[in-house]
């Protein structure tokens, strides 16, 4: 009985030691989306245990920061993420795939028109 109790305690202790802290990506992320040229972008994110929601903005030299649309997605404890943002004007959407760490995101953007056809792709790099 004593040996079984010690085994259970050892398993519980080892599982607690191996538990990775949940990555929280809440906050403002700024960087660029690089297709034909660098486009400054900004994500304002709220992370609820891996479920991400927020706002996606891009910089327009005439009007300043403009909202593209809401952004939603998920990430796992390793930081691997998939996010999607639909244009507020209905012109299409952007899918992002990449990896977060505590202070940066790097990955790719896939741009789609309103019909759902992929029109281009770009690299994406942001910092918190």
Protein backbone atom coordinates (compact mmCIF):
# COMPACT_ATOMS: atom_id res chain seq x y z
CA UNK A 1 0.00 0.00 0.00
CA UNK A 2 2.81 2.36 0.94
CA UNK A 3 4.64 1.58 -2.32
CA UNK A 4 1.48 2.28 -4.35
CA UNK A 5 0.97 5.60 -2.57
CA UNK A 6 4.58 6.62 -3.29
CA UNK A 7 4.16 5.64 -6.94
CA UNK A 8 1.00 7.75 -7.25
CA UNK A 9 2.71 10.72 -5.60
CA UNK A 10 5.72 10.35 -7.92
CA UNK A 11 3.47 10.29 -11.01
CA UNK A 12 1.58 13.38 -9.83
CA UNK A 13 4.83 15.21 -9.09
CA UNK A 14 6.34 14.35 -12.48
CA UNK A 15 3.19 15.41 -14.33
CA UNK A 16 3.22 18.76 -12.52
CA UNK A 17 6.88 19.26 -13.44
CA UNK A 18 6.22 18.49 -17.11
CA UNK A 19 3.21 20.78 -17.48
CA UNK A 20 4.01 23.62 -19.84
CA UNK A 21 2.58 27.02 -19.01
CA UNK A 22 -0.17 28.14 -21.39
CA UNK A 23 1.08 30.69 -23.89
CA UNK A 24 -1.01 33.88 -23.69
CA UNK A 25 -0.93 35.93 -26.91
CA UNK A 26 -3.22 38.71 -25.65
CA UNK A 27 -2.05 42.21 -26.49
CA UNK A 28 -0.98 44.35 -29.44
CA UNK A 29 1.23 42.80 -32.11
CA UNK A 30 2.81 44.97 -34.81
CA UNK A 31 4.80 44.04 -37.88
CA UNK A 32 4.42 43.52 -41.59
CA UNK A 33 2.89 41.36 -44.26
CA UNK A 34 5.32 41.06 -47.17
CA UNK A 35 3.90 40.20 -50.59
CA UNK A 36 4.71 42.66 -53.39
CA UNK A 37 5.93 45.07 -50.70
CA UNK A 38 5.84 45.40 -46.94
CA UNK A 39 2.44 46.37 -45.55
CA UNK A 40 2.44 47.43 -41.88
CA UNK A 41 -0.13 45.41 -39.92
CA UNK A 42 -1.38 45.27 -36.36
CA UNK A 43 -3.27 42.62 -34.38
CA UNK A 44 -5.06 43.49 -31.15
CA UNK A 45 -5.68 40.07 -29.62
CA UNK A 46 -7.53 38.54 -26.70
CA UNK A 47 -6.47 34.98 -25.83
CA UNK A 48 -8.83 32.79 -23.81
CA UNK A 49 -6.87 29.58 -23.25
CA UNK A 50 -5.85 29.18 -26.89
CA UNK A 51 -9.01 30.65 -28.46
CA UNK A 52 -8.02 33.96 -30.07
CA UNK A 53 -10.25 36.89 -31.01
CA UNK A 54 -9.49 40.49 -31.82
CA UNK A 55 -9.04 43.10 -34.52
CA UNK A 56 -6.79 43.09 -37.58
CA UNK A 57 -5.61 46.49 -38.87
CA UNK A 58 -3.38 47.58 -41.74
CA UNK A 59 -1.64 50.89 -42.34
CA UNK A 60 -2.79 53.08 -45.21
CA UNK A 61 -0.44 55.98 -46.00
CA UNK A 62 -3.42 58.26 -46.71
CA UNK A 63 -5.75 57.32 -43.84
CA UNK A 64 -3.45 55.77 -41.21
CA UNK A 65 -4.46 52.61 -39.36
CA UNK A 66 -7.60 51.07 -40.87
CA UNK A 67 -9.60 48.08 -39.68
CA UNK A 68 -9.57 45.15 -42.09
CA UNK A 69 -11.88 43.10 -39.89
CA UNK A 70 -12.22 40.90 -36.83
CA UNK A 71 -9.59 38.19 -36.42
CA UNK A 72 -10.26 34.79 -34.85
CA UNK A 73 -8.35 31.57 -34.45
CA UNK A 74 -6.59 29.15 -32.16
CA UNK A 75 -3.12 28.21 -30.96
CA UNK A 76 -1.70 25.27 -29.07
CA UNK A 77 0.81 25.22 -26.19
CA UNK A 78 3.68 25.10 -28.70
CA UNK A 79 2.43 28.37 -30.24
CA UNK A 80 1.32 26.89 -33.57
CA UNK A 81 -1.60 29.03 -34.72
CA UNK A 82 -4.21 29.46 -37.42
CA UNK A 83 -6.17 32.74 -37.63
CA UNK A 84 -8.70 34.13 -40.11
CA UNK A 85 -9.87 37.67 -40.76
CA UNK A 86 -12.79 38.60 -43.03
CA UNK A 87 -12.82 42.04 -44.66
CA UNK A 88 -15.51 44.33 -43.26
CA UNK A 89 -16.43 45.34 -46.83
CA UNK A 90 -16.98 41.72 -47.96
CA UNK A 91 -14.09 41.78 -50.44
CA UNK A 92 -12.49 38.60 -49.13
CA UNK A 93 -10.52 37.17 -46.24
CA UNK A 94 -7.00 36.40 -45.07
CA UNK A 95 -5.86 33.18 -43.42
CA UNK A 96 -2.74 33.28 -41.25
CA UNK A 97 -0.65 30.25 -40.28
CA UNK A 98 2.44 30.40 -38.14
CA UNK A 99 3.96 30.22 -34.70
CA UNK A 100 3.74 32.50 -31.69
CA UNK A 101 6.29 32.72 -28.92
CA UNK A 102 6.18 35.11 -25.98
CA UNK A 103 7.22 38.12 -28.08
CA UNK A 104 6.87 37.34 -31.79
CA UNK A 105 4.82 35.68 -34.50
CA UNK A 106 6.16 34.45 -37.82
CA UNK A 107 4.34 32.67 -40.58
CA UNK A 108 2.35 33.10 -43.76
CA UNK A 109 -0.77 34.89 -44.97
CA UNK A 110 -3.03 33.53 -47.70
CA UNK A 111 -5.29 36.15 -49.32
CA UNK A 112 -8.65 35.16 -50.80
CA UNK A 113 -11.16 37.18 -52.83
CA UNK A 114 -14.91 37.25 -52.12
CA UNK A 115 -15.43 34.17 -54.32
CA UNK A 116 -13.02 32.16 -52.17
CA UNK A 117 -10.19 32.00 -54.71
CA UNK A 118 -6.68 32.43 -53.30
CA UNK A 119 -5.19 35.51 -54.94
CA UNK A 120 -1.76 35.71 -53.28
CA UNK A 121 0.35 34.74 -50.30
CA UNK A 122 2.79 36.64 -48.13
CA UNK A 123 5.21 36.17 -45.26
CA UNK A 124 4.14 37.67 -41.94
CA UNK A 125 6.27 38.85 -39.03
CA UNK A 126 4.97 40.58 -35.90
CA UNK A 127 6.33 41.51 -32.48
CA UNK A 128 4.52 42.12 -29.21
